[in-house]
Protein backbone atom coordinates (compact mmCIF):
# COMPACT_ATOMS: atom_id res chain seq x y z
CA UNK A 1 -68.73 -51.02 57.82
CA UNK A 2 -66.13 -49.45 56.74
CA UNK A 3 -64.10 -51.46 58.43
CA UNK A 4 -65.01 -54.25 56.72
CA UNK A 5 -64.74 -53.23 53.55
CA UNK A 6 -61.21 -54.01 53.05
CA UNK A 7 -62.00 -57.59 54.43
CA UNK A 8 -64.94 -58.26 51.84
CA UNK A 9 -62.67 -57.29 49.28
CA UNK A 10 -59.93 -59.46 50.12
CA UNK A 11 -62.37 -62.05 50.65
CA UNK A 12 -64.01 -61.60 47.36
CA UNK A 13 -60.54 -61.65 45.72
CA UNK A 14 -59.55 -64.55 47.01
CA UNK A 15 -62.45 -66.53 45.86
CA UNK A 16 -61.72 -65.24 42.40
CA UNK A 17 -58.64 -66.68 42.44
CA UNK A 18 -59.56 -69.84 43.83
CA UNK A 19 -62.28 -69.82 41.22
CA UNK A 20 -59.72 -69.07 38.28
CA UNK A 21 -57.56 -71.72 39.95
CA UNK A 22 -60.29 -74.32 39.71
CA UNK A 23 -61.34 -73.48 36.18
CA UNK A 24 -57.53 -73.65 34.98
CA UNK A 25 -57.46 -76.98 36.46
CA UNK A 26 -60.76 -77.88 34.56
CA UNK A 27 -59.24 -76.53 31.85
CA UNK A 28 -56.23 -78.55 31.74
CA UNK A 29 -58.26 -81.52 32.42
CA UNK A 30 -60.57 -80.96 29.62
CA UNK A 31 -57.33 -80.85 27.36
CA UNK A 32 -55.89 -84.20 28.43
CA UNK A 33 -59.07 -85.99 28.09
CA UNK A 34 -59.91 -84.36 24.45
CA UNK A 35 -56.18 -85.15 23.69
CA UNK A 36 -56.84 -88.67 24.62
CA UNK A 37 -60.25 -88.68 22.86
CA UNK A 38 -58.49 -87.95 19.36
CA UNK A 39 -56.20 -90.02 19.91
CA UNK A 40 -58.59 -92.53 20.35
CA UNK A 41 -60.49 -91.14 17.33
CA UNK A 42 -57.57 -91.15 14.99
CA UNK A 43 -56.67 -94.87 16.53
CA UNK A 44 -60.61 -95.78 15.22
CA UNK A 45 -60.00 -94.26 11.95
CA UNK A 46 -57.12 -96.06 11.51
CA UNK A 47 -58.11 -99.64 12.45
CA UNK A 48 -62.06 -99.88 12.67
CA UNK A 49 -62.65 -97.95 9.10
CA UNK A 50 -60.97 -99.99 6.73
CA UNK A 51 -63.10 -103.01 8.73
CA UNK A 52 -66.13 -101.24 8.58
CA UNK A 53 -65.71 -100.32 4.59
CA UNK A 54 -64.98 -103.93 3.66
CA UNK A 55 -68.22 -105.22 5.53
CA UNK A 56 -69.91 -102.32 3.62
CA UNK A 57 -68.23 -103.52 0.33
CA UNK A 58 -68.55 -107.25 0.90
CA UNK A 59 -72.56 -106.41 1.98
CA UNK A 60 -72.89 -104.33 -1.33
CA UNK A 61 -71.23 -107.46 -3.00
CA UNK A 62 -73.54 -110.25 -1.43
CA UNK A 63 -76.98 -108.29 -1.41
CA UNK A 64 -78.31 -109.50 -5.04
CA UNK A 65 -76.41 -113.19 -3.74
CA UNK A 66 -78.22 -113.09 -0.52
CA UNK A 67 -81.35 -111.72 -2.46
CA UNK A 68 -80.70 -115.22 -5.18
CA UNK A 69 -80.37 -117.40 -2.18
CA UNK A 70 -83.67 -116.12 -0.69
CA UNK A 71 -85.91 -116.50 -3.64
CA UNK A 72 -84.32 -120.29 -4.08
CA UNK A 73 -85.05 -121.21 -0.55
CA UNK A 74 -88.22 -119.91 -0.86
CA UNK A 75 -88.81 -121.95 -3.94
CA UNK A 76 -87.53 -124.89 -2.98
CA UNK A 77 -88.97 -124.70 0.35
CA UNK A 78 -92.55 -124.45 -1.56
CA UNK A 79 -91.74 -127.22 -4.15
CA UNK A 80 -90.55 -129.34 -0.75
CA UNK A 81 -93.97 -128.40 0.17
CA UNK A 82 -95.98 -129.75 -2.85
CA UNK A 83 -94.23 -132.75 -2.87
CA UNK A 84 -94.74 -133.75 0.82
CA UNK A 85 -98.22 -133.52 0.16
CA UNK A 86 -98.24 -135.37 -2.76
CA UNK A 87 -96.38 -137.93 -1.08
CA UNK A 88 -98.73 -137.95 1.71
CA UNK A 89 -101.76 -138.46 -0.31
CA UNK A 90 -100.27 -141.17 -2.35
CA UNK A 91 -99.52 -142.58 1.27
CA UNK A 92 -102.59 -142.92 2.67
CA UNK A 93 -103.64 -144.17 -0.73
CA UNK A 94 -101.95 -147.16 -0.72
CA UNK A 95 -102.57 -147.41 2.83
CA UNK A 96 -106.31 -147.47 2.27
CA UNK A 97 -105.94 -149.53 -0.88
CA UNK A 98 -103.91 -152.08 1.75
CA UNK A 99 -106.36 -151.93 4.14
CA UNK A 100 -109.21 -152.88 1.85
CA UNK A 101 -106.99 -155.67 0.45
CA UNK A 102 -106.13 -157.29 4.20
CA UNK A 103 -110.22 -157.28 4.43
CA UNK A 104 -110.66 -159.08 1.40
CA UNK A 105 -108.05 -161.83 2.34
CA UNK A 106 -109.17 -161.95 5.70
CA UNK A 107 -112.82 -162.89 4.59
CA UNK A 108 -111.43 -164.93 1.58
CA UNK A 109 -109.51 -167.02 4.37
CA UNK A 110 -112.56 -167.04 6.54
CA UNK A 111 -114.59 -167.82 3.52
CA UNK A 112 -112.05 -170.83 2.93
CA UNK A 113 -111.54 -172.05 6.67
CA UNK A 114 -115.73 -172.43 7.01
CA UNK A 115 -115.44 -174.58 3.47
CA UNK A 116 -113.07 -176.31 4.71
CA UNK A 117 -114.73 -177.13 8.04
CA UNK A 118 -117.92 -177.88 5.89
CA UNK A 119 -116.52 -180.06 3.74
CA UNK A 120 -114.42 -181.82 6.40
CA UNK A 121 -118.44 -182.22 7.96
CA UNK A 122 -119.56 -183.42 4.84
CA UNK A 123 -116.56 -185.96 4.37
CA UNK A 124 -117.06 -187.17 7.78
CA UNK A 125 -120.69 -187.91 7.10
CA UNK A 126 -120.74 -189.15 3.77
CA UNK A 127 -117.81 -191.38 4.06
CA UNK A 128 -115.83 -191.88 7.27
CA UNK A 129 -118.77 -193.05 9.46
CA UNK A 130 -120.20 -195.32 6.44
CA UNK A 131 -116.49 -197.10 6.82
CA UNK A 132 -117.35 -197.35 10.25
CA UNK A 133 -120.23 -198.77 10.31
CA UNK A 134 -119.45 -201.15 7.07
CA UNK A 135 -115.95 -202.19 9.23
CA UNK A 136 -118.16 -203.07 12.37
CA UNK A 137 -120.28 -205.35 10.05
CA UNK A 138 -117.48 -207.28 8.79
CA UNK A 139 -115.94 -207.33 12.45
CA UNK A 140 -119.36 -208.68 13.37
CA UNK A 141 -119.61 -211.12 10.29
CA UNK A 142 -115.90 -212.18 10.75
CA UNK A 143 -116.45 -213.11 14.87
CA UNK A 144 -119.57 -214.98 13.81
CA UNK A 145 -117.58 -216.69 11.45
CA UNK A 146 -114.95 -217.38 13.80
CA UNK A 147 -117.39 -218.26 16.68
CA UNK A 148 -119.03 -220.58 14.35
CA UNK A 149 -115.74 -222.48 13.04
CA UNK A 150 -114.38 -222.07 16.25
CA UNK A 151 -117.24 -223.73 18.13
CA UNK A 152 -117.29 -227.04 15.70
CA UNK A 153 -113.73 -227.45 16.41
CA UNK A 154 -115.19 -227.81 20.25
CA UNK A 155 -117.00 -230.21 19.43
CA UNK A 156 -115.38 -231.99 17.59
CA UNK A 157 -112.55 -232.89 20.30
CA UNK A 158 -110.59 -230.13 19.47
CA UNK A 159 -108.28 -228.11 21.72
CA UNK A 160 -109.86 -225.73 24.55
CA UNK A 161 -108.71 -222.32 23.41
CA UNK A 162 -110.31 -219.16 25.52
CA UNK A 163 -111.02 -216.55 23.25
CA UNK A 164 -110.10 -213.62 23.66
CA UNK A 165 -112.43 -210.54 23.48
CA UNK A 166 -112.08 -208.06 21.22
CA UNK A 167 -111.69 -204.64 22.38
CA UNK A 168 -114.49 -202.30 21.42
CA UNK A 169 -112.02 -199.75 19.85
CA UNK A 170 -110.91 -202.46 17.44
CA UNK A 171 -114.60 -203.11 15.96
CA UNK A 172 -114.80 -199.42 14.78
CA UNK A 173 -112.04 -197.48 12.79
């Protein structure tokens, strides 16, 4: 066992040296990463910070204006909504009145057409029918007179005319 002690000491020494090398490599890698991070932070500070400060200043300046715009938009929306509601009520009233007037006009037209039809029937019964009857009577009397006058002419040696029959359509108007 005493023979193994120097071997264990040598192995432990090698392990410590290996650990020291790994730690040194880690230190160098961290230092390199830290340098890159610092360079990146400086770049962000120089480029992004002025833009962020400008944006913050613009937001601070625009906030009251945006509040006024939002309030105005809310009032305008309320006003438009009330106007639309009034317009809707007006349109509904106009449509109802127009519908009522159309119904009245339809009833008036129906009554007028009924009265025209009744008047036409009355005129037909009281004027046209008696005129037809009177015309038929006159045609009958005329035909009788022609027959009598025409018959004497035949008896007296007149020419023999062939009488043409009077169509019945001509007898009545």
